[in-house]
Amino acid sequence: MKKFATAIVLLMSMAAAACKAAPSNLLIGTWTVDRSGVAPNPGCAEPLTFGEKTRTEPDVNGQSNTIPVTYVAGESTTFPTVVYVMTDAGIEFHTTFRFLSKDKMVMDTAAQCPYVRR
């Protein structure tokens, strides 16, 4: 019985560690423009920082601007996938981020800005 209880505790701690390793929202963190391939659009903002309920990026004057956001996240382990970011302006003003991997994504706008996780 003691071995069984030890095995259960070990499995539960492994499951908890696995859950921490795979965040459900891939955007959380800081992103910089990916310059490893084709030259990105010079209008691509950087850095982009996403918190649990916020999005921070430089405005047109280079000043940091933080706004409240809501996320609708797609699958976090199968790629490609997407995360939609909405402000309080409504769903029609959302931004789509397409993920090629957990550390590479593209802001799905006319500029198609590529980003890598910092």
PDB file of N, CA and C in Angstrom:
ATOM      1  N   MET A   1       0.818  -1.191   0.000  1.00  0.00           N
ATOM      2  CA  MET A   1       0.000   0.000   0.000  1.00  0.00           C
ATOM      3  C   MET A   1       0.864   1.258   0.000  1.00  0.00           C
ATOM      4  N   LYS A   2       1.987   1.208   0.742  1.00  0.00           N
ATOM      5  CA  LYS A   2       2.872   2.358   0.829  1.00  0.00           C
ATOM      6  C   LYS A   2       3.488   2.661  -0.544  1.00  0.00           C
ATOM      7  N   LYS A   3       3.854   1.597  -1.303  1.00  0.00           N
ATOM      8  CA  LYS A   3       4.420   1.777  -2.642  1.00  0.00           C
ATOM      9  C   LYS A   3       3.374   2.378  -3.585  1.00  0.00           C
ATOM     10  N   PHE A   4       2.130   1.950  -3.430  1.00  0.00           N
ATOM     11  CA  PHE A   4       1.048   2.476  -4.266  1.00  0.00           C
ATOM     12  C   PHE A   4       0.851   3.968  -4.008  1.00  0.00           C
ATOM     13  N   ALA A   5       0.828   4.371  -2.751  1.00  0.00           N
ATOM     14  CA  ALA A   5       0.652   5.781  -2.395  1.00  0.00           C
ATOM     15  C   ALA A   5       1.818   6.613  -2.913  1.00  0.00           C
ATOM     16  N   THR A   6       3.043   6.072  -2.819  1.00  0.00           N
ATOM     17  CA  THR A   6       4.221   6.775  -3.324  1.00  0.00           C
ATOM     18  C   THR A   6       4.117   6.961  -4.836  1.00  0.00           C
ATOM     19  N   ALA A   7       3.670   5.928  -5.532  1.00  0.00           N
ATOM     20  CA  ALA A   7       3.517   6.012  -6.987  1.00  0.00           C
ATOM     21  C   ALA A   7       2.473   7.050  -7.375  1.00  0.00           C
ATOM     22  N   ILE A   8       1.378   7.118  -6.640  1.00  0.00           N
ATOM     23  CA  ILE A   8       0.329   8.106  -6.913  1.00  0.00           C
ATOM     24  C   ILE A   8       0.883   9.518  -6.728  1.00  0.00           C
ATOM     25  N   VAL A   9       1.600   9.761  -5.652  1.00  0.00           N
ATOM     26  CA  VAL A   9       2.177  11.087  -5.383  1.00  0.00           C
ATOM     27  C   VAL A   9       3.162  11.458  -6.488  1.00  0.00           C
ATOM     28  N   LEU A  10       3.973  10.519  -6.921  1.00  0.00           N
ATOM     29  CA  LEU A  10       4.939  10.762  -7.983  1.00  0.00           C
ATOM     30  C   LEU A  10       4.230  11.111  -9.293  1.00  0.00           C
ATOM     31  N   LEU A  11       3.206  10.380  -9.647  1.00  0.00           N
ATOM     32  CA  LEU A  11       2.451  10.665 -10.867  1.00  0.00           C
ATOM     33  C   LEU A  11       1.762  12.022 -10.811  1.00  0.00           C
ATOM     34  N   MET A  12       1.223  12.378  -9.666  1.00  0.00           N
ATOM     35  CA  MET A  12       0.551  13.670  -9.534  1.00  0.00           C
ATOM     36  C   MET A  12       1.548  14.821  -9.669  1.00  0.00           C
ATOM     37  N   SER A  13       2.733  14.676  -9.091  1.00  0.00           N
ATOM     38  CA  SER A  13       3.727  15.755  -9.204  1.00  0.00           C
ATOM     39  C   SER A  13       4.252  15.863 -10.630  1.00  0.00           C
ATOM     40  N   MET A  14       4.364  14.726 -11.342  1.00  0.00           N
ATOM     41  CA  MET A  14       4.772  14.760 -12.746  1.00  0.00           C
ATOM     42  C   MET A  14       3.707  15.441 -13.598  1.00  0.00           C
ATOM     43  N   ALA A  15       2.458  15.174 -13.320  1.00  0.00           N
ATOM     44  CA  ALA A  15       1.364  15.800 -14.061  1.00  0.00           C
ATOM     45  C   ALA A  15       1.338  17.304 -13.822  1.00  0.00           C
ATOM     46  N   ALA A  16       1.581  17.720 -12.586  1.00  0.00           N
ATOM     47  CA  ALA A  16       1.609  19.158 -12.270  1.00  0.00           C
ATOM     48  C   ALA A  16       2.755  19.841 -13.003  1.00  0.00           C
ATOM     49  N   ALA A  17       3.917  19.208 -13.063  1.00  0.00           N
ATOM     50  CA  ALA A  17       5.063  19.781 -13.778  1.00  0.00           C
ATOM     51  C   ALA A  17       4.772  19.877 -15.268  1.00  0.00           C
ATOM     52  N   ALA A  18       4.123  18.884 -15.828  1.00  0.00           N
ATOM     53  CA  ALA A  18       3.779  18.900 -17.253  1.00  0.00           C
ATOM     54  C   ALA A  18       2.801  20.027 -17.567  1.00  0.00           C
ATOM     55  N   CYS A  19       1.863  20.276 -16.682  1.00  0.00           N
ATOM     56  CA  CYS A  19       0.903  21.366 -16.903  1.00  0.00           C
ATOM     57  C   CYS A  19       1.588  22.719 -16.892  1.00  0.00           C
ATOM     58  N   LYS A  20       2.580  22.908 -16.025  1.00  0.00           N
ATOM     59  CA  LYS A  20       3.306  24.172 -15.970  1.00  0.00           C
ATOM     60  C   LYS A  20       4.141  24.368 -17.229  1.00  0.00           C
ATOM     61  N   ALA A  21       4.621  23.304 -17.835  1.00  0.00           N
ATOM     62  CA  ALA A  21       5.508  23.389 -18.991  1.00  0.00           C
ATOM     63  C   ALA A  21       4.773  23.789 -20.256  1.00  0.00           C
ATOM     64  N   ALA A  22       3.484  23.599 -20.340  1.00  0.00           N
ATOM     65  CA  ALA A  22       2.733  23.890 -21.567  1.00  0.00           C
ATOM     66  C   ALA A  22       1.642  24.918 -21.290  1.00  0.00           C
ATOM     67  N   PRO A  23       1.974  26.224 -21.393  1.00  0.00           N
ATOM     68  CA  PRO A  23       0.946  27.225 -21.138  1.00  0.00           C
ATOM     69  C   PRO A  23      -0.152  27.150 -22.186  1.00  0.00           C
ATOM     70  N   SER A  24      -1.378  27.411 -21.776  1.00  0.00           N
ATOM     71  CA  SER A  24      -2.483  27.334 -22.723  1.00  0.00           C
ATOM     72  C   SER A  24      -2.505  28.529 -23.660  1.00  0.00           C
ATOM     73  N   ASN A  25      -1.880  29.638 -23.279  1.00  0.00           N
ATOM     74  CA  ASN A  25      -1.813  30.804 -24.144  1.00  0.00           C
ATOM     75  C   ASN A  25      -0.371  31.003 -24.587  1.00  0.00           C
ATOM     76  N   LEU A  26      -0.097  30.661 -25.825  1.00  0.00           N
ATOM     77  CA  LEU A  26       1.259  30.728 -26.353  1.00  0.00           C
ATOM     78  C   LEU A  26       1.807  32.149 -26.444  1.00  0.00           C
ATOM     79  N   LEU A  27       0.943  33.162 -26.462  1.00  0.00           N
ATOM     80  CA  LEU A  27       1.413  34.543 -26.612  1.00  0.00           C
ATOM     81  C   LEU A  27       2.083  35.106 -25.363  1.00  0.00           C
ATOM     82  N   ILE A  28       1.769  34.586 -24.191  1.00  0.00           N
ATOM     83  CA  ILE A  28       2.303  35.143 -22.954  1.00  0.00           C
ATOM     84  C   ILE A  28       3.829  35.177 -23.033  1.00  0.00           C
ATOM     85  N   GLY A  29       4.374  36.378 -22.822  1.00  0.00           N
ATOM     86  CA  GLY A  29       5.822  36.562 -22.892  1.00  0.00           C
ATOM     87  C   GLY A  29       6.166  37.768 -23.745  1.00  0.00           C
ATOM     88  N   THR A  30       7.445  37.886 -24.086  1.00  0.00           N
ATOM     89  CA  THR A  30       7.929  39.008 -24.882  1.00  0.00           C
ATOM     90  C   THR A  30       8.427  38.508 -26.226  1.00  0.00           C
ATOM     91  N   TRP A  31       8.086  39.254 -27.271  1.00  0.00           N
ATOM     92  CA  TRP A  31       8.393  38.873 -28.652  1.00  0.00           C
ATOM     93  C   TRP A  31       9.150  39.991 -29.354  1.00  0.00           C
ATOM     94  N   THR A  32      10.134  39.619 -30.189  1.00  0.00           N
ATOM     95  CA  THR A  32      10.861  40.583 -31.009  1.00  0.00           C
ATOM     96  C   THR A  32      10.722  40.188 -32.472  1.00  0.00           C
ATOM     97  N   VAL A  33      10.950  41.151 -33.353  1.00  0.00           N
ATOM     98  CA  VAL A  33      10.825  40.903 -34.788  1.00  0.00           C
ATOM     99  C   VAL A  33      11.882  39.884 -35.216  1.00  0.00           C
ATOM    100  N   ASP A  34      11.462  38.903 -36.008  1.00  0.00           N
ATOM    101  CA  ASP A  34      12.351  37.864 -36.524  1.00  0.00           C
ATOM    102  C   ASP A  34      13.032  38.384 -37.788  1.00  0.00           C
ATOM    103  N   ARG A  35      14.340  38.576 -37.701  1.00  0.00           N
ATOM    104  CA  ARG A  35      15.111  39.079 -38.838  1.00  0.00           C
ATOM    105  C   ARG A  35      15.960  37.988 -39.479  1.00  0.00           C
ATOM    106  N   SER A  36      15.665  36.730 -39.180  1.00  0.00           N
ATOM    107  CA  SER A  36      16.473  35.623 -39.685  1.00  0.00           C
ATOM    108  C   SER A  36      16.173  35.266 -41.142  1.00  0.00           C
ATOM    109  N   GLY A  37      15.045  35.719 -41.667  1.00  0.00           N
ATOM    110  CA  GLY A  37      14.680  35.385 -43.047  1.00  0.00           C
ATOM    111  C   GLY A  37      14.561  36.636 -43.885  1.00  0.00           C
ATOM    112  N   VAL A  38      13.469  36.740 -44.604  1.00  0.00           N
ATOM    113  CA  VAL A  38      13.195  37.906 -45.430  1.00  0.00           C
ATOM    114  C   VAL A  38      13.088  39.142 -44.536  1.00  0.00           C
ATOM    115  N   ALA A  39      13.605  40.276 -44.992  1.00  0.00           N
ATOM    116  CA  ALA A  39      13.552  41.508 -44.204  1.00  0.00           C
ATOM    117  C   ALA A  39      12.108  41.849 -43.863  1.00  0.00           C
ATOM    118  N   PRO A  40      11.796  42.029 -42.570  1.00  0.00           N
ATOM    119  CA  PRO A  40      10.418  42.338 -42.176  1.00  0.00           C
ATOM    120  C   PRO A  40      10.030  43.764 -42.547  1.00  0.00           C
ATOM    121  N   ASN A  41       8.752  44.017 -42.548  1.00  0.00           N
ATOM    122  CA  ASN A  41       8.215  45.348 -42.784  1.00  0.00           C
ATOM    123  C   ASN A  41       8.795  46.294 -41.728  1.00  0.00           C
ATOM    124  N   PRO A  42       9.301  47.454 -42.120  1.00  0.00           N
ATOM    125  CA  PRO A  42       9.874  48.383 -41.133  1.00  0.00           C
ATOM    126  C   PRO A  42       8.841  48.900 -40.126  1.00  0.00           C
ATOM    127  N   GLY A  43       7.571  48.729 -40.405  1.00  0.00           N
ATOM    128  CA  GLY A  43       6.531  49.168 -39.483  1.00  0.00           C
ATOM    129  C   GLY A  43       6.183  48.165 -38.398  1.00  0.00           C
ATOM    130  N   CYS A  44       6.856  47.034 -38.362  1.00  0.00           N
ATOM    131  CA  CYS A  44       6.575  46.017 -37.334  1.00  0.00           C
ATOM    132  C   CYS A  44       7.026  46.525 -35.964  1.00  0.00           C
ATOM    133  N   ALA A  45       6.078  46.588 -35.029  1.00  0.00           N
ATOM    134  CA  ALA A  45       6.380  47.078 -33.676  1.00  0.00           C
ATOM    135  C   ALA A  45       7.164  46.036 -32.900  1.00  0.00           C
ATOM    136  N   GLU A  46       8.093  46.514 -32.064  1.00  0.00           N
ATOM    137  CA  GLU A  46       8.794  45.615 -31.158  1.00  0.00           C
ATOM    138  C   GLU A  46       9.349  46.384 -29.978  1.00  0.00           C
ATOM    139  N   PRO A  47       9.447  45.748 -28.836  1.00  0.00           N
ATOM    140  CA  PRO A  47       8.966  44.398 -28.554  1.00  0.00           C
ATOM    141  C   PRO A  47       7.462  44.394 -28.285  1.00  0.00           C
ATOM    142  N   LEU A  48       6.867  43.226 -28.435  1.00  0.00           N
ATOM    143  CA  LEU A  48       5.480  42.996 -28.035  1.00  0.00           C
ATOM    144  C   LEU A  48       5.538  42.171 -26.759  1.00  0.00           C
ATOM    145  N   THR A  49       4.830  42.603 -25.733  1.00  0.00           N
ATOM    146  CA  THR A  49       4.800  41.853 -24.484  1.00  0.00           C
ATOM    147  C   THR A  49       3.348  41.579 -24.120  1.00  0.00           C
ATOM    148  N   PHE A  50       3.068  40.314 -23.868  1.00  0.00           N
ATOM    149  CA  PHE A  50       1.715  39.887 -23.521  1.00  0.00           C
ATOM    150  C   PHE A  50       1.708  39.332 -22.110  1.00  0.00           C
ATOM    151  N   GLY A  51       0.805  39.865 -21.282  1.00  0.00           N
ATOM    152  CA  GLY A  51       0.591  39.353 -19.938  1.00  0.00           C
ATOM    153  C   GLY A  51      -0.711  38.573 -19.921  1.00  0.00           C
ATOM    154  N   GLU A  52      -1.137  38.154 -18.757  1.00  0.00           N
ATOM    155  CA  GLU A  52      -2.376  37.384 -18.647  1.00  0.00           C
ATOM    156  C   GLU A  52      -3.587  38.147 -19.176  1.00  0.00           C
ATOM    157  N   LYS A  53      -3.592  39.477 -18.981  1.00  0.00           N
ATOM    158  CA  LYS A  53      -4.744  40.286 -19.419  1.00  0.00           C
ATOM    159  C   LYS A  53      -4.320  41.586 -20.089  1.00  0.00           C
ATOM    160  N   THR A  54      -3.057  41.684 -20.517  1.00  0.00           N
ATOM    161  CA  THR A  54      -2.565  42.923 -21.106  1.00  0.00           C
ATOM    162  C   THR A  54      -1.707  42.668 -22.343  1.00  0.00           C
ATOM    163  N   ARG A  55      -1.611  43.717 -23.161  1.00  0.00           N
ATOM    164  CA  ARG A  55      -0.728  43.729 -24.328  1.00  0.00           C
ATOM    165  C   ARG A  55       0.049  45.038 -24.268  1.00  0.00           C
ATOM    166  N   THR A  56       1.378  44.963 -24.330  1.00  0.00           N
ATOM    167  CA  THR A  56       2.218  46.152 -24.289  1.00  0.00           C
ATOM    168  C   THR A  56       3.064  46.196 -25.549  1.00  0.00           C
ATOM    169  N   GLU A  57       3.036  47.356 -26.213  1.00  0.00           N
ATOM    170  CA  GLU A  57       3.862  47.562 -27.396  1.00  0.00           C
ATOM    171  C   GLU A  57       4.119  49.050 -27.546  1.00  0.00           C
ATOM    172  N   PRO A  58       5.152  49.417 -28.312  1.00  0.00           N
ATOM    173  CA  PRO A  58       5.409  50.846 -28.498  1.00  0.00           C
ATOM    174  C   PRO A  58       4.366  51.488 -29.402  1.00  0.00           C
ATOM    175  N   ASP A  59       4.004  52.744 -29.086  1.00  0.00           N
ATOM    176  CA  ASP A  59       3.084  53.469 -29.962  1.00  0.00           C
ATOM    177  C   ASP A  59       3.882  54.133 -31.085  1.00  0.00           C
ATOM    178  N   VAL A  60       3.257  54.953 -31.901  1.00  0.00           N
ATOM    179  CA  VAL A  60       3.938  55.569 -33.048  1.00  0.00           C
ATOM    180  C   VAL A  60       5.077  56.494 -32.629  1.00  0.00           C
ATOM    181  N   ASN A  61       5.060  56.966 -31.384  1.00  0.00           N
ATOM    182  CA  ASN A  61       6.132  57.830 -30.874  1.00  0.00           C
ATOM    183  C   ASN A  61       7.209  57.047 -30.134  1.00  0.00           C
ATOM    184  N   GLY A  62       7.086  55.716 -30.114  1.00  0.00           N
ATOM    185  CA  GLY A  62       8.067  54.889 -29.426  1.00  0.00           C
ATOM    186  C   GLY A  62       7.826  54.729 -27.942  1.00  0.00           C
ATOM    187  N   GLN A  63       6.743  55.304 -27.429  1.00  0.00           N
ATOM    188  CA  GLN A  63       6.415  55.190 -26.004  1.00  0.00           C
ATOM    189  C   GLN A  63       5.674  53.879 -25.750  1.00  0.00           C
ATOM    190  N   SER A  64       5.982  53.232 -24.643  1.00  0.00           N
ATOM    191  CA  SER A  64       5.334  51.978 -24.283  1.00  0.00           C
ATOM    192  C   SER A  64       3.855  52.212 -23.980  1.00  0.00           C
ATOM    193  N   ASN A  65       2.992  51.380 -24.539  1.00  0.00           N
ATOM    194  CA  ASN A  65       1.552  51.517 -24.378  1.00  0.00           C
ATOM    195  C   ASN A  65       0.976  50.165 -23.962  1.00  0.00           C
ATOM    196  N   THR A  66       0.325  50.108 -22.811  1.00  0.00           N
ATOM    197  CA  THR A  66      -0.274  48.868 -22.316  1.00  0.00           C
ATOM    198  C   THR A  66      -1.786  49.008 -22.341  1.00  0.00           C
ATOM    199  N   ILE A  67      -2.453  48.003 -22.911  1.00  0.00           N
ATOM    200  CA  ILE A  67      -3.914  48.004 -22.975  1.00  0.00           C
ATOM    201  C   ILE A  67      -4.449  46.679 -22.444  1.00  0.00           C
ATOM    202  N   PRO A  68      -5.674  46.684 -21.902  1.00  0.00           N
ATOM    203  CA  PRO A  68      -6.287  45.427 -21.472  1.00  0.00           C
ATOM    204  C   PRO A  68      -6.774  44.640 -22.685  1.00  0.00           C
ATOM    205  N   VAL A  69      -6.595  43.325 -22.640  1.00  0.00           N
ATOM    206  CA  VAL A  69      -7.019  42.467 -23.746  1.00  0.00           C
ATOM    207  C   VAL A  69      -7.648  41.187 -23.221  1.00  0.00           C
ATOM    208  N   THR A  70      -8.329  40.511 -24.136  1.00  0.00           N
ATOM    209  CA  THR A  70      -8.876  39.177 -23.888  1.00  0.00           C
ATOM    210  C   THR A  70      -8.326  38.272 -24.972  1.00  0.00           C
ATOM    211  N   TYR A  71      -7.982  37.054 -24.610  1.00  0.00           N
ATOM    212  CA  TYR A  71      -7.419  36.100 -25.554  1.00  0.00           C
ATOM    213  C   TYR A  71      -8.405  34.980 -25.862  1.00  0.00           C
ATOM    214  N   VAL A  72      -8.382  34.522 -27.098  1.00  0.00           N
ATOM    215  CA  VAL A  72      -9.050  33.284 -27.483  1.00  0.00           C
ATOM    216  C   VAL A  72      -7.947  32.439 -28.098  1.00  0.00           C
ATOM    217  N   ALA A  73      -7.502  31.449 -27.346  1.00  0.00           N
ATOM    218  CA  ALA A  73      -6.358  30.650 -27.763  1.00  0.00           C
ATOM    219  C   ALA A  73      -6.792  29.370 -28.454  1.00  0.00           C
ATOM    220  N   GLY A  74      -6.066  29.017 -29.497  1.00  0.00           N
ATOM    221  CA  GLY A  74      -6.285  27.749 -30.176  1.00  0.00           C
ATOM    222  C   GLY A  74      -5.521  26.657 -29.460  1.00  0.00           C
ATOM    223  N   GLU A  75      -5.270  25.581 -30.131  1.00  0.00           N
ATOM    224  CA  GLU A  75      -4.510  24.449 -29.601  1.00  0.00           C
ATOM    225  C   GLU A  75      -3.103  24.917 -29.250  1.00  0.00           C
ATOM    226  N   SER A  76      -2.565  24.491 -28.108  1.00  0.00           N
ATOM    227  CA  SER A  76      -1.235  24.961 -27.697  1.00  0.00           C
ATOM    228  C   SER A  76      -0.126  23.935 -27.909  1.00  0.00           C
ATOM    229  N   THR A  77      -0.455  22.789 -28.476  1.00  0.00           N
ATOM    230  CA  THR A  77       0.584  21.779 -28.694  1.00  0.00           C
ATOM    231  C   THR A  77       0.664  21.302 -30.136  1.00  0.00           C
ATOM    232  N   THR A  78      -0.294  21.648 -30.976  1.00  0.00           N
ATOM    233  CA  THR A  78      -0.298  21.246 -32.380  1.00  0.00           C
ATOM    234  C   THR A  78      -0.120  22.492 -33.237  1.00  0.00           C
ATOM    235  N   PHE A  79       0.807  22.434 -34.190  1.00  0.00           N
ATOM    236  CA  PHE A  79       1.103  23.607 -35.013  1.00  0.00           C
ATOM    237  C   PHE A  79       0.885  23.295 -36.475  1.00  0.00           C
ATOM    238  N   PRO A  80       0.479  24.284 -37.304  1.00  0.00           N
ATOM    239  CA  PRO A  80       0.219  25.676 -36.929  1.00  0.00           C
ATOM    240  C   PRO A  80      -1.062  25.826 -36.126  1.00  0.00           C
ATOM    241  N   THR A  81      -1.120  26.923 -35.366  1.00  0.00           N
ATOM    242  CA  THR A  81      -2.287  27.242 -34.565  1.00  0.00           C
ATOM    243  C   THR A  81      -2.435  28.757 -34.485  1.00  0.00           C
ATOM    244  N   VAL A  82      -3.467  29.248 -33.833  1.00  0.00           N
ATOM    245  CA  VAL A  82      -3.696  30.691 -33.739  1.00  0.00           C
ATOM    246  C   VAL A  82      -4.081  31.102 -32.323  1.00  0.00           C
ATOM    247  N   VAL A  83      -3.862  32.393 -32.039  1.00  0.00           N
ATOM    248  CA  VAL A  83      -4.384  33.042 -30.839  1.00  0.00           C
ATOM    249  C   VAL A  83      -4.987  34.354 -31.316  1.00  0.00           C
ATOM    250  N   TYR A  84      -6.227  34.613 -30.915  1.00  0.00           N
ATOM    251  CA  TYR A  84      -6.898  35.867 -31.238  1.00  0.00           C
ATOM    252  C   TYR A  84      -6.802  36.784 -30.029  1.00  0.00           C
ATOM    253  N   VAL A  85      -6.493  38.060 -30.264  1.00  0.00           N
ATOM    254  CA  VAL A  85      -6.390  39.045 -29.187  1.00  0.00           C
ATOM    255  C   VAL A  85      -7.436  40.119 -29.441  1.00  0.00           C
ATOM    256  N   MET A  86      -8.294  40.347 -28.440  1.00  0.00           N
ATOM    257  CA  MET A  86      -9.364  41.337 -28.572  1.00  0.00           C
ATOM    258  C   MET A  86      -9.223  42.408 -27.504  1.00  0.00           C
ATOM    259  N   THR A  87      -9.545  43.636 -27.885  1.00  0.00           N
ATOM    260  CA  THR A  87      -9.581  44.733 -26.929  1.00  0.00           C
ATOM    261  C   THR A  87     -11.032  44.953 -26.518  1.00  0.00           C
ATOM    262  N   ASP A  88     -11.258  45.962 -25.698  1.00  0.00           N
ATOM    263  CA  ASP A  88     -12.634  46.260 -25.299  1.00  0.00           C
ATOM    264  C   ASP A  88     -13.422  46.944 -26.418  1.00  0.00           C
ATOM    265  N   ALA A  89     -12.780  47.171 -27.580  1.00  0.00           N
ATOM    266  CA  ALA A  89     -13.475  47.767 -28.728  1.00  0.00           C
ATOM    267  C   ALA A  89     -14.392  46.759 -29.424  1.00  0.00           C
ATOM    268  N   GLY A  90     -14.251  45.483 -29.082  1.00  0.00           N
ATOM    269  CA  GLY A  90     -15.126  44.462 -29.654  1.00  0.00           C
ATOM    270  C   GLY A  90     -14.407  43.483 -30.557  1.00  0.00           C
ATOM    271  N   ILE A  91     -15.075  42.392 -30.859  1.00  0.00           N
ATOM    272  CA  ILE A  91     -14.467  41.306 -31.623  1.00  0.00           C
ATOM    273  C   ILE A  91     -14.068  41.729 -33.032  1.00  0.00           C
ATOM    274  N   GLU A  92     -14.759  42.716 -33.590  1.00  0.00           N
ATOM    275  CA  GLU A  92     -14.411  43.138 -34.943  1.00  0.00           C
ATOM    276  C   GLU A  92     -13.054  43.841 -34.993  1.00  0.00           C
ATOM    277  N   PHE A  93     -12.482  44.159 -33.850  1.00  0.00           N
ATOM    278  CA  PHE A  93     -11.168  44.792 -33.784  1.00  0.00           C
ATOM    279  C   PHE A  93     -10.118  43.845 -33.213  1.00  0.00           C
ATOM    280  N   HIS A  94     -10.238  42.570 -33.513  1.00  0.00           N
ATOM    281  CA  HIS A  94      -9.279  41.586 -32.999  1.00  0.00           C
ATOM    282  C   HIS A  94      -8.040  41.524 -33.891  1.00  0.00           C
ATOM    283  N   THR A  95      -6.957  40.978 -33.331  1.00  0.00           N
ATOM    284  CA  THR A  95      -5.742  40.698 -34.077  1.00  0.00           C
ATOM    285  C   THR A  95      -5.487  39.204 -33.985  1.00  0.00           C
ATOM    286  N   THR A  96      -5.128  38.603 -35.102  1.00  0.00           N
ATOM    287  CA  THR A  96      -4.831  37.176 -35.144  1.00  0.00           C
ATOM    288  C   THR A  96      -3.323  36.978 -35.177  1.00  0.00           C
ATOM    289  N   PHE A  97      -2.833  36.071 -34.336  1.00  0.00           N
ATOM    290  CA  PHE A  97      -1.421  35.686 -34.333  1.00  0.00           C
ATOM    291  C   PHE A  97      -1.351  34.225 -34.733  1.00  0.00           C
ATOM    292  N   ARG A  98      -0.650  33.939 -35.831  1.00  0.00           N
ATOM    293  CA  ARG A  98      -0.502  32.566 -36.329  1.00  0.00           C
ATOM    294  C   ARG A  98       0.828  32.003 -35.841  1.00  0.00           C
ATOM    295  N   PHE A  99       0.769  30.856 -35.177  1.00  0.00           N
ATOM    296  CA  PHE A  99       1.966  30.219 -34.629  1.00  0.00           C
ATOM    297  C   PHE A  99       2.458  29.112 -35.543  1.00  0.00           C
ATOM    298  N   LEU A 100       3.752  29.186 -35.885  1.00  0.00           N
ATOM    299  CA  LEU A 100       4.400  28.140 -36.657  1.00  0.00           C
ATOM    300  C   LEU A 100       5.013  27.113 -35.715  1.00  0.00           C
ATOM    301  N   SER A 101       5.411  27.570 -34.526  1.00  0.00           N
ATOM    302  CA  SER A 101       5.922  26.731 -33.441  1.00  0.00           C
ATOM    303  C   SER A 101       5.668  27.512 -32.160  1.00  0.00           C
ATOM    304  N   LYS A 102       6.052  26.976 -31.015  1.00  0.00           N
ATOM    305  CA  LYS A 102       5.779  27.691 -29.772  1.00  0.00           C
ATOM    306  C   LYS A 102       6.619  28.953 -29.637  1.00  0.00           C
ATOM    307  N   ASP A 103       7.685  29.082 -30.435  1.00  0.00           N
ATOM    308  CA  ASP A 103       8.568  30.230 -30.336  1.00  0.00           C
ATOM    309  C   ASP A 103       8.617  31.103 -31.587  1.00  0.00           C
ATOM    310  N   LYS A 104       7.769  30.829 -32.587  1.00  0.00           N
ATOM    311  CA  LYS A 104       7.724  31.631 -33.817  1.00  0.00           C
ATOM    312  C   LYS A 104       6.277  31.885 -34.186  1.00  0.00           C
ATOM    313  N   MET A 105       5.964  33.158 -34.450  1.00  0.00           N
ATOM    314  CA  MET A 105       4.598  33.496 -34.842  1.00  0.00           C
ATOM    315  C   MET A 105       4.602  34.676 -35.796  1.00  0.00           C
ATOM    316  N   VAL A 106       3.461  34.867 -36.461  1.00  0.00           N
ATOM    317  CA  VAL A 106       3.276  35.960 -37.408  1.00  0.00           C
ATOM    318  C   VAL A 106       2.009  36.710 -37.015  1.00  0.00           C
ATOM    319  N   MET A 107       2.125  38.051 -36.928  1.00  0.00           N
ATOM    320  CA  MET A 107       0.943  38.871 -36.695  1.00  0.00           C
ATOM    321  C   MET A 107       0.204  38.933 -38.025  1.00  0.00           C
ATOM    322  N   ASP A 108      -0.997  38.383 -38.060  1.00  0.00           N
ATOM    323  CA  ASP A 108      -1.737  38.223 -39.307  1.00  0.00           C
ATOM    324  C   ASP A 108      -2.447  39.524 -39.693  1.00  0.00           C
ATOM    325  N   THR A 109      -1.653  40.481 -40.158  1.00  0.00           N
ATOM    326  CA  THR A 109      -2.147  41.761 -40.666  1.00  0.00           C
ATOM    327  C   THR A 109      -1.553  41.948 -42.056  1.00  0.00           C
ATOM    328  N   ALA A 110      -1.805  43.065 -42.697  1.00  0.00           N
ATOM    329  CA  ALA A 110      -1.248  43.322 -44.028  1.00  0.00           C
ATOM    330  C   ALA A 110       0.278  43.278 -44.010  1.00  0.00           C
ATOM    331  N   ALA A 111       0.904  43.699 -42.913  1.00  0.00           N
ATOM    332  CA  ALA A 111       2.373  43.723 -42.823  1.00  0.00           C
ATOM    333  C   ALA A 111       2.979  42.332 -42.626  1.00  0.00           C
ATOM    334  N   GLN A 112       2.192  41.362 -42.116  1.00  0.00           N
ATOM    335  CA  GLN A 112       2.679  40.004 -41.859  1.00  0.00           C
ATOM    336  C   GLN A 112       3.991  40.016 -41.067  1.00  0.00           C
ATOM    337  N   CYS A 113       3.991  40.705 -39.930  1.00  0.00           N
ATOM    338  CA  CYS A 113       5.189  40.837 -39.102  1.00  0.00           C
ATOM    339  C   CYS A 113       5.547  39.507 -38.435  1.00  0.00           C
ATOM    340  N   PRO A 114       6.786  39.020 -38.665  1.00  0.00           N
ATOM    341  CA  PRO A 114       7.219  37.769 -38.034  1.00  0.00           C
ATOM    342  C   PRO A 114       7.881  38.048 -36.683  1.00  0.00           C
ATOM    343  N   TYR A 115       7.605  37.213 -35.692  1.00  0.00           N
ATOM    344  CA  TYR A 115       8.170  37.402 -34.360  1.00  0.00           C
ATOM    345  C   TYR A 115       8.753  36.109 -33.823  1.00  0.00           C
ATOM    346  N   VAL A 116       9.762  36.266 -32.948  1.00  0.00           N
ATOM    347  CA  VAL A 116      10.333  35.146 -32.208  1.00  0.00           C
ATOM    348  C   VAL A 116      10.258  35.478 -30.718  1.00  0.00           C
ATOM    349  N   ARG A 117      10.118  34.427 -29.932  1.00  0.00           N
ATOM    350  CA  ARG A 117      10.054  34.615 -28.471  1.00  0.00           C
ATOM    351  C   ARG A 117      11.419  35.045 -27.971  1.00  0.00           C
ATOM    352  N   ARG A 118      11.418  36.029 -27.073  1.00  0.00           N
ATOM    353  CA  ARG A 118      12.673  36.494 -26.486  1.00  0.00           C
ATOM    354  C   ARG A 118      12.950  35.705 -25.245  1.00  0.00           C
TER     355      ARG A 118
END
